[in-house]
Protein backbone atom coordinates (compact mmCIF):
# COMPACT_ATOMS: atom_id res chain seq x y z
CA MET A 1 113.44 78.99 95.67
CA ASP A 2 111.62 80.51 92.70
CA LYS A 3 108.81 77.95 93.06
CA TYR A 4 108.80 78.54 96.81
CA ALA A 5 108.20 82.28 96.36
CA TYR A 6 105.23 81.50 94.09
CA LEU A 7 103.88 78.88 96.52
CA LEU A 8 104.20 81.31 99.44
CA GLY A 9 102.21 83.92 97.51
CA ILE A 10 99.39 81.56 96.53
CA TYR A 11 99.35 80.06 100.06
CA LEU A 12 99.01 83.48 101.71
CA GLY A 13 96.00 84.17 99.53
CA ASP A 14 94.08 80.90 99.27
CA GLY A 15 95.86 78.35 101.42
CA CYS A 16 96.06 76.94 104.91
CA VAL A 17 98.09 74.40 106.85
CA SER A 18 96.09 72.21 109.21
CA PRO A 19 96.71 69.04 111.24
CA VAL A 20 95.74 65.70 109.73
CA SER A 21 93.78 63.22 111.91
CA ASP A 22 95.92 61.95 114.83
CA PRO A 23 97.77 64.97 116.34
CA GLY A 24 100.41 62.62 117.77
CA LYS A 25 101.68 61.85 114.27
CA GLN A 26 102.50 65.52 113.63
CA VAL A 27 101.35 65.31 110.00
CA TRP A 28 100.02 68.47 108.39
CA ALA A 29 98.00 69.14 105.25
CA LEU A 30 98.79 72.02 102.95
CA ARG A 31 95.47 72.95 101.38
CA ILE A 32 95.27 75.51 98.57
CA PHE A 33 91.92 76.24 96.96
CA CYS A 34 92.01 77.11 93.24
CA ALA A 35 89.02 78.16 91.13
CA ASP A 36 88.03 75.58 88.51
CA ALA A 37 87.73 78.41 85.97
CA TYR A 38 91.56 78.56 85.85
CA PRO A 39 92.97 75.06 85.21
CA GLY A 40 96.37 76.53 84.35
CA LEU A 41 96.56 78.04 87.82
CA ILE A 42 95.80 74.63 89.37
CA ASP A 43 98.63 73.12 87.29
CA GLU A 44 101.07 75.84 88.42
CA CYS A 45 100.08 75.31 92.03
CA VAL A 46 100.66 71.54 91.75
CA GLU A 47 104.02 72.18 90.06
CA ALA A 48 105.11 74.50 92.89
CA VAL A 49 104.05 72.04 95.62
CA ARG A 50 105.87 69.22 93.80
CA ALA A 51 109.04 71.33 93.47
CA ILE A 52 109.09 72.02 97.23
CA ARG A 53 108.10 68.52 98.44
CA PRO A 54 108.88 66.18 95.51
CA ASP A 55 108.45 62.98 97.56
CA ASN A 56 105.01 63.87 98.88
CA ARG A 57 101.79 62.83 97.18
CA ILE A 58 99.62 65.64 95.84
CA ARG A 59 95.86 65.19 95.82
CA LEU A 60 93.38 67.19 93.74
CA LEU A 61 90.10 67.21 95.63
CA PRO A 62 87.09 68.51 93.67
CA LEU A 63 84.81 70.91 95.54
CA THR A 64 81.96 73.12 94.35
CA GLY A 65 83.52 75.62 91.92
CA CYS A 66 87.09 74.93 92.99
CA THR A 67 89.75 72.27 93.43
CA GLU A 68 91.71 71.75 96.61
CA VAL A 69 95.40 71.10 95.98
CA ASN A 70 96.31 68.99 99.01
CA SER A 71 99.62 67.57 100.23
CA HIS A 72 100.49 65.96 103.59
CA SER A 73 103.88 66.40 105.25
CA LYS A 74 105.44 66.88 108.67
CA HIS A 75 107.38 69.80 107.16
CA TRP A 76 104.61 72.24 106.12
CA PRO A 77 104.67 74.17 109.44
CA CYS A 78 108.41 74.79 108.98
CA LEU A 79 108.07 75.71 105.31
CA LEU A 80 105.02 77.94 105.87
CA PRO A 81 105.39 79.25 109.44
CA GLN A 82 102.57 81.76 108.90
CA HIS A 83 100.09 78.97 109.67
CA GLY A 84 98.13 79.19 112.89
CA PRO A 85 94.67 79.00 114.36
CA GLY A 86 91.97 81.20 112.90
CA ARG A 87 91.87 83.42 109.86
CA LYS A 88 95.00 85.08 108.51
CA HIS A 89 93.48 88.55 108.76
CA ASP A 90 92.82 88.06 112.49
CA ARG A 91 96.46 87.42 113.38
CA PRO A 92 99.86 88.91 112.51
CA ILE A 93 101.49 87.68 109.31
CA SER A 94 105.21 88.25 108.87
CA LEU A 95 107.96 86.50 106.96
CA GLU A 96 110.95 84.74 108.51
CA ALA A 97 114.40 86.01 107.46
CA TRP A 98 114.93 83.10 105.03
CA GLN A 99 111.50 83.75 103.48
CA ARG A 100 112.32 87.44 103.05
CA GLU A 101 115.47 86.38 101.18
CA ALA A 102 113.45 84.13 98.86
CA VAL A 103 110.87 86.86 98.24
CA SER A 104 113.62 89.43 97.66
CA GLU A 105 115.37 87.19 95.12
CA TYR A 106 112.17 85.99 93.41
CA THR A 107 109.86 88.95 93.92
CA GLU A 108 108.09 88.47 90.59
CA ASN A 109 107.15 84.89 91.49
CA PHE A 110 105.85 86.00 94.89
CA VAL A 111 103.69 88.71 93.30
CA ARG A 112 102.48 86.22 90.68
CA GLY A 113 101.37 83.82 93.43
CA LEU A 114 99.57 86.56 95.34
CA ILE A 115 97.76 87.78 92.22
CA HIS A 116 96.89 84.23 91.18
CA SER A 117 95.21 83.76 94.55
CA ASP A 118 93.67 87.10 95.46
CA GLY A 119 94.11 89.23 92.37
CA SER A 120 92.63 89.80 88.96
CA ARG A 121 93.33 91.49 85.65
CA SER A 122 90.36 93.20 84.07
CA THR A 123 89.43 95.90 81.59
CA ASN A 124 88.20 99.16 83.05
CA ARG A 125 85.69 101.12 80.95
CA VAL A 126 85.31 104.87 81.44
CA ARG A 127 82.56 106.88 79.77
CA HIS A 128 83.11 110.51 78.79
CA ARG A 129 79.92 112.41 78.06
CA LEU A 130 80.38 114.75 75.12
CA LYS A 131 77.94 116.93 73.21
CA SER A 132 78.58 114.75 70.19
CA GLY A 133 77.76 111.60 72.17
CA ASP A 134 79.34 109.33 74.71
CA ARG A 135 82.91 108.27 74.19
CA TRP A 136 84.34 105.21 75.89
CA TYR A 137 87.90 104.68 77.00
CA GLU A 138 89.14 101.21 77.99
CA TYR A 139 92.34 100.16 79.71
CA PRO A 140 93.59 97.05 81.51
CA ARG A 141 94.25 97.04 85.23
CA TYR A 142 95.12 94.68 88.04
CA PHE A 143 93.45 94.43 91.42
CA PHE A 144 94.64 92.69 94.57
CA THR A 145 92.16 92.19 97.39
CA ASN A 146 92.92 90.75 100.82
CA GLU A 147 91.50 91.24 104.32
CA SER A 148 94.92 91.02 106.01
CA ALA A 149 96.71 94.35 106.37
CA ASP A 150 99.98 92.43 106.74
CA ILE A 151 99.49 90.51 103.48
CA MET A 152 98.52 93.76 101.74
CA ARG A 153 101.78 95.29 103.01
CA LEU A 154 103.83 92.30 101.77
CA PHE A 155 102.20 92.78 98.35
CA THR A 156 102.79 96.53 98.14
CA ASP A 157 106.37 96.17 99.44
CA ALA A 158 107.01 93.66 96.64
CA LEU A 159 105.50 96.04 94.06
CA ASP A 160 107.71 98.84 95.38
CA ARG A 161 110.77 96.60 95.09
CA LEU A 162 109.84 95.98 91.43
CA GLY A 163 109.19 99.68 90.76
CA ILE A 164 105.51 99.07 89.99
CA GLU A 165 103.21 101.98 90.81
CA TRP A 166 100.05 101.15 92.78
CA LYS A 167 97.21 102.86 94.63
CA ARG A 168 95.03 101.75 97.50
CA SER A 169 91.41 101.78 96.31
CA ASN A 170 90.06 101.10 99.79
CA ARG A 171 91.04 99.32 103.00
CA ASN A 172 91.48 95.90 101.38
CA ASN A 173 92.01 96.62 97.68
CA ILE A 174 95.13 97.62 95.72
CA SER A 175 94.80 98.90 92.14
CA ILE A 176 97.53 98.84 89.51
CA ALA A 177 96.25 100.87 86.56
CA LYS A 178 99.06 102.98 85.09
CA LYS A 179 99.98 101.80 81.60
CA GLU A 180 103.64 101.15 82.46
CA ALA A 181 102.76 99.33 85.69
CA VAL A 182 100.22 97.07 83.96
CA ALA A 183 102.70 96.33 81.16
CA ARG A 184 105.33 95.40 83.76
CA LEU A 185 102.92 93.00 85.52
CA ASP A 186 101.90 91.54 82.16
CA GLU A 187 105.55 90.50 81.67
CA PHE A 188 105.34 87.93 84.47
CA VAL A 189 101.71 87.63 85.62
CA GLY A 190 99.22 88.22 82.80
CA PRO A 191 95.59 87.07 82.89
CA LYS A 192 94.68 83.95 84.86
CA TYR A 193 94.20 80.92 82.66
């Protein structure tokens, strides 16, 4: 279930489940879009899909600036019941009881998947103007950005469960900037690669 928690996180950020060709066949495509700038992230996504559906073929479809990790199965709607028509931020997103158990047991993997899809780690630079000249202070921070209030809540609930302090920067952006919180995320997320 550790790979499932990661897959759920990355799916909620950059994935969808959609029907494949003939609706009568009840075959669905899991499609997760990963930036080409992070080949390690693509590899982790493939590894997670393979762990959940080892007998299904995984396709890597090149697109402009990204790669679609694609796998067909009749089981994706059961495994990812958050799928549905339209955009995720236009409909309610909640976890089934068995998914909540997986996220509770493997919270770090869930957060890692969410940050790998809709998050970033960057260096913040702050300038202090002094009489003797400007002085710069730099520190690392994480951001998580998503248009779905429900997905934002799942993310912040997971951070709370891990004891990681966060702040809401605006309606769709969470900032993790305290030294201890960033160090804790670095233990299991780190920069995208």
